Structure formats: C-alpha cells, structure tokens
Amino acid sequence: MLSEDDFVDRVAAELGISRRELTAGTFEALGFDSLQMYELDLIVEELGALVSDEDIVSARSIHDLYEAYRRTIAKAD
C-alpha cells in the first residue's frame, strides 16, 4: 500500500498537474468533471485498488480518494 504522499504524487503525475494544485482543494474546485473522475478511477485501479463507484463519486478531495484506496487495499489483505 502506498503512503498518502506517494499516492498523491502518483495521481498528480498521471493527471499531469502539480501536487500543490491537486491538494489545494476539492475536485469540484479544481473543475473536475465526470470524465476526470473516471480517469481518477482508472489511476487508482492501476495502483492496485478496485474502489467502488460509490466511493469514487463521493470523493471530494484527493484525501477522500486516498482513504477509499486505503480501505479497499486493507479489505483485500
């Protein structure tokens, strides 16, 4: 399982945005649309977690997304 810092770094790199920008606020404030949320889902899947659609939709920030990733990985262990 990745640490939250590593998770944020990997997601930011995949999205092509800075860590600072990604952690600055909510996905809504960053202007993320449904396509970008789907892209986040695919990135998390590449990191080894099949996060539920409900968790993806309810994630408001990268921290929320990390928590969903962490819970999913913990369940698998």
N, C-alpha and C. Protein backbone atom coordinates (compact mmCIF):
# COMPACT_ATOMS: atom_id res chain seq x y z
N MET A 1 0.84 -1.18 0.00
CA MET A 1 0.00 0.00 0.00
C MET A 1 0.89 1.24 0.00
N LEU A 2 0.53 2.19 -0.83
CA LEU A 2 1.27 3.46 -0.89
C LEU A 2 0.93 4.34 0.29
N SER A 3 1.88 5.14 0.72
CA SER A 3 1.58 6.17 1.71
C SER A 3 0.74 7.24 1.02
N GLU A 4 0.10 8.09 1.81
CA GLU A 4 -0.72 9.14 1.20
C GLU A 4 0.13 10.07 0.33
N ASP A 5 1.35 10.38 0.79
CA ASP A 5 2.23 11.24 0.00
C ASP A 5 2.57 10.61 -1.35
N ASP A 6 2.91 9.33 -1.33
CA ASP A 6 3.24 8.64 -2.58
C ASP A 6 2.01 8.55 -3.50
N PHE A 7 0.87 8.29 -2.89
CA PHE A 7 -0.38 8.22 -3.65
C PHE A 7 -0.66 9.54 -4.37
N VAL A 8 -0.56 10.63 -3.62
CA VAL A 8 -0.81 11.96 -4.19
C VAL A 8 0.19 12.25 -5.31
N ASP A 9 1.45 11.93 -5.08
CA ASP A 9 2.47 12.16 -6.11
C ASP A 9 2.17 11.37 -7.38
N ARG A 10 1.78 10.11 -7.24
CA ARG A 10 1.49 9.27 -8.40
C ARG A 10 0.26 9.76 -9.16
N VAL A 11 -0.79 10.13 -8.43
CA VAL A 11 -2.01 10.63 -9.08
C VAL A 11 -1.73 11.94 -9.78
N ALA A 12 -1.03 12.85 -9.13
CA ALA A 12 -0.70 14.14 -9.74
C ALA A 12 0.10 13.94 -11.02
N ALA A 13 1.08 13.04 -10.98
CA ALA A 13 1.90 12.77 -12.17
C ALA A 13 1.05 12.21 -13.29
N GLU A 14 0.16 11.30 -12.98
CA GLU A 14 -0.72 10.71 -14.01
C GLU A 14 -1.66 11.75 -14.62
N LEU A 15 -2.10 12.68 -13.80
CA LEU A 15 -3.01 13.73 -14.29
C LEU A 15 -2.26 14.87 -14.98
N GLY A 16 -0.95 14.93 -14.76
CA GLY A 16 -0.16 16.00 -15.35
C GLY A 16 -0.37 17.34 -14.68
N ILE A 17 -0.66 17.29 -13.37
CA ILE A 17 -0.80 18.53 -12.60
C ILE A 17 0.13 18.46 -11.40
N SER A 18 0.33 19.59 -10.76
CA SER A 18 1.24 19.62 -9.62
C SER A 18 0.56 19.05 -8.38
N ARG A 19 1.40 18.55 -7.50
CA ARG A 19 0.90 18.06 -6.21
C ARG A 19 0.19 19.18 -5.47
N ARG A 20 0.77 20.35 -5.53
CA ARG A 20 0.20 21.52 -4.84
C ARG A 20 -1.21 21.81 -5.35
N GLU A 21 -1.38 21.78 -6.68
CA GLU A 21 -2.69 22.03 -7.27
C GLU A 21 -3.69 20.95 -6.84
N LEU A 22 -3.26 19.69 -6.86
CA LEU A 22 -4.15 18.58 -6.53
C LEU A 22 -4.59 18.63 -5.08
N THR A 23 -3.73 19.08 -4.19
CA THR A 23 -4.07 19.10 -2.77
C THR A 23 -4.67 20.43 -2.32
N ALA A 24 -4.82 21.38 -3.23
CA ALA A 24 -5.28 22.72 -2.86
C ALA A 24 -6.75 22.78 -2.47
N GLY A 25 -7.54 21.85 -2.94
CA GLY A 25 -8.97 21.93 -2.62
C GLY A 25 -9.72 20.71 -3.11
N THR A 26 -11.00 20.91 -3.27
CA THR A 26 -11.85 19.81 -3.70
C THR A 26 -11.71 19.57 -5.20
N PHE A 27 -12.14 18.39 -5.63
CA PHE A 27 -12.15 18.10 -7.07
C PHE A 27 -13.07 19.08 -7.79
N GLU A 28 -14.17 19.44 -7.15
CA GLU A 28 -15.10 20.40 -7.75
C GLU A 28 -14.42 21.75 -7.95
N ALA A 29 -13.69 22.21 -6.94
CA ALA A 29 -12.98 23.49 -7.03
C ALA A 29 -11.93 23.45 -8.13
N LEU A 30 -11.36 22.26 -8.37
CA LEU A 30 -10.37 22.11 -9.43
C LEU A 30 -11.02 21.99 -10.80
N GLY A 31 -12.35 21.94 -10.82
CA GLY A 31 -13.06 21.88 -12.08
C GLY A 31 -13.15 20.49 -12.68
N PHE A 32 -12.96 19.45 -11.86
CA PHE A 32 -13.03 18.08 -12.37
C PHE A 32 -14.45 17.77 -12.81
N ASP A 33 -14.56 17.17 -13.98
CA ASP A 33 -15.85 16.73 -14.49
C ASP A 33 -15.94 15.21 -14.38
N SER A 34 -17.02 14.63 -14.89
CA SER A 34 -17.21 13.18 -14.76
C SER A 34 -16.11 12.40 -15.49
N LEU A 35 -15.61 12.93 -16.58
CA LEU A 35 -14.54 12.24 -17.31
C LEU A 35 -13.26 12.20 -16.47
N GLN A 36 -12.95 13.29 -15.81
CA GLN A 36 -11.76 13.33 -14.96
C GLN A 36 -11.93 12.43 -13.73
N MET A 37 -13.15 12.32 -13.22
CA MET A 37 -13.39 11.41 -12.11
C MET A 37 -13.21 9.97 -12.57
N TYR A 38 -13.63 9.67 -13.78
CA TYR A 38 -13.43 8.34 -14.34
C TYR A 38 -11.93 8.07 -14.50
N GLU A 39 -11.19 9.08 -14.92
CA GLU A 39 -9.74 8.95 -15.06
C GLU A 39 -9.10 8.65 -13.69
N LEU A 40 -9.60 9.32 -12.65
CA LEU A 40 -9.10 9.04 -11.30
C LEU A 40 -9.36 7.58 -10.92
N ASP A 41 -10.53 7.09 -11.27
CA ASP A 41 -10.88 5.70 -11.00
C ASP A 41 -9.87 4.76 -11.67
N LEU A 42 -9.55 5.04 -12.93
CA LEU A 42 -8.58 4.21 -13.66
C LEU A 42 -7.18 4.29 -13.04
N ILE A 43 -6.80 5.46 -12.60
CA ILE A 43 -5.48 5.63 -11.97
C ILE A 43 -5.41 4.80 -10.69
N VAL A 44 -6.46 4.88 -9.88
CA VAL A 44 -6.47 4.13 -8.62
C VAL A 44 -6.44 2.63 -8.92
N GLU A 45 -7.14 2.22 -9.95
CA GLU A 45 -7.11 0.81 -10.35
C GLU A 45 -5.69 0.39 -10.73
N GLU A 46 -4.99 1.25 -11.47
CA GLU A 46 -3.60 0.96 -11.83
C GLU A 46 -2.69 0.85 -10.60
N LEU A 47 -3.10 1.51 -9.52
CA LEU A 47 -2.33 1.46 -8.28
C LEU A 47 -2.71 0.25 -7.44
N GLY A 48 -3.60 -0.59 -7.96
CA GLY A 48 -3.89 -1.86 -7.31
C GLY A 48 -5.16 -1.94 -6.50
N ALA A 49 -6.06 -0.96 -6.62
CA ALA A 49 -7.29 -1.00 -5.84
C ALA A 49 -8.50 -0.80 -6.74
N LEU A 50 -9.49 -1.67 -6.57
CA LEU A 50 -10.76 -1.52 -7.29
C LEU A 50 -11.73 -0.82 -6.35
N VAL A 51 -11.67 0.50 -6.33
CA VAL A 51 -12.51 1.31 -5.46
C VAL A 51 -13.92 1.33 -6.03
N SER A 52 -14.91 1.25 -5.16
CA SER A 52 -16.30 1.22 -5.62
C SER A 52 -16.68 2.53 -6.31
N ASP A 53 -17.63 2.42 -7.22
CA ASP A 53 -18.13 3.62 -7.91
C ASP A 53 -18.67 4.62 -6.90
N GLU A 54 -19.32 4.12 -5.86
CA GLU A 54 -19.87 5.00 -4.82
C GLU A 54 -18.77 5.81 -4.15
N ASP A 55 -17.65 5.15 -3.85
CA ASP A 55 -16.53 5.85 -3.21
C ASP A 55 -15.90 6.88 -4.16
N ILE A 56 -15.82 6.54 -5.44
CA ILE A 56 -15.27 7.49 -6.41
C ILE A 56 -16.16 8.72 -6.50
N VAL A 57 -17.45 8.51 -6.62
CA VAL A 57 -18.40 9.62 -6.76
C VAL A 57 -18.44 10.48 -5.50
N SER A 58 -18.30 9.84 -4.34
CA SER A 58 -18.40 10.61 -3.10
C SER A 58 -17.09 11.28 -2.69
N ALA A 59 -15.98 10.93 -3.33
CA ALA A 59 -14.69 11.54 -3.00
C ALA A 59 -14.70 13.01 -3.42
N ARG A 60 -14.48 13.87 -2.46
CA ARG A 60 -14.48 15.31 -2.75
C ARG A 60 -13.07 15.86 -2.91
N SER A 61 -12.09 15.11 -2.41
CA SER A 61 -10.71 15.60 -2.46
C SER A 61 -9.76 14.41 -2.64
N ILE A 62 -8.51 14.70 -2.87
CA ILE A 62 -7.51 13.64 -3.02
C ILE A 62 -7.39 12.87 -1.71
N HIS A 63 -7.57 13.52 -0.59
CA HIS A 63 -7.54 12.82 0.70
C HIS A 63 -8.67 11.80 0.78
N ASP A 64 -9.87 12.19 0.38
CA ASP A 64 -11.01 11.26 0.37
C ASP A 64 -10.72 10.07 -0.55
N LEU A 65 -10.14 10.35 -1.69
CA LEU A 65 -9.82 9.28 -2.64
C LEU A 65 -8.76 8.35 -2.05
N TYR A 66 -7.78 8.91 -1.37
CA TYR A 66 -6.76 8.08 -0.73
C TYR A 66 -7.39 7.19 0.34
N GLU A 67 -8.30 7.73 1.12
CA GLU A 67 -8.95 6.94 2.16
C GLU A 67 -9.73 5.77 1.54
N ALA A 68 -10.39 6.00 0.43
CA ALA A 68 -11.11 4.93 -0.27
C ALA A 68 -10.11 3.88 -0.77
N TYR A 69 -9.00 4.33 -1.32
CA TYR A 69 -7.92 3.43 -1.77
C TYR A 69 -7.41 2.60 -0.59
N ARG A 70 -7.13 3.25 0.51
CA ARG A 70 -6.59 2.59 1.70
C ARG A 70 -7.56 1.53 2.23
N ARG A 71 -8.84 1.88 2.32
CA ARG A 71 -9.85 0.92 2.81
C ARG A 71 -9.94 -0.29 1.89
N THR A 72 -9.90 -0.03 0.58
CA THR A 72 -10.00 -1.12 -0.39
C THR A 72 -8.81 -2.05 -0.30
N ILE A 73 -7.62 -1.50 -0.18
CA ILE A 73 -6.42 -2.32 -0.05
C ILE A 73 -6.45 -3.11 1.25
N ALA A 74 -6.89 -2.46 2.34
CA ALA A 74 -6.94 -3.14 3.64
C ALA A 74 -7.91 -4.32 3.60
N LYS A 75 -9.04 -4.18 2.92
CA LYS A 75 -10.01 -5.27 2.80
C LYS A 75 -9.42 -6.44 2.05
N ALA A 76 -8.59 -6.16 1.07
CA ALA A 76 -8.01 -7.21 0.23
C ALA A 76 -6.95 -8.02 0.97
N ASP A 77 -6.36 -7.42 1.99
CA ASP A 77 -5.28 -8.12 2.74
C ASP A 77 -5.83 -9.08 3.72
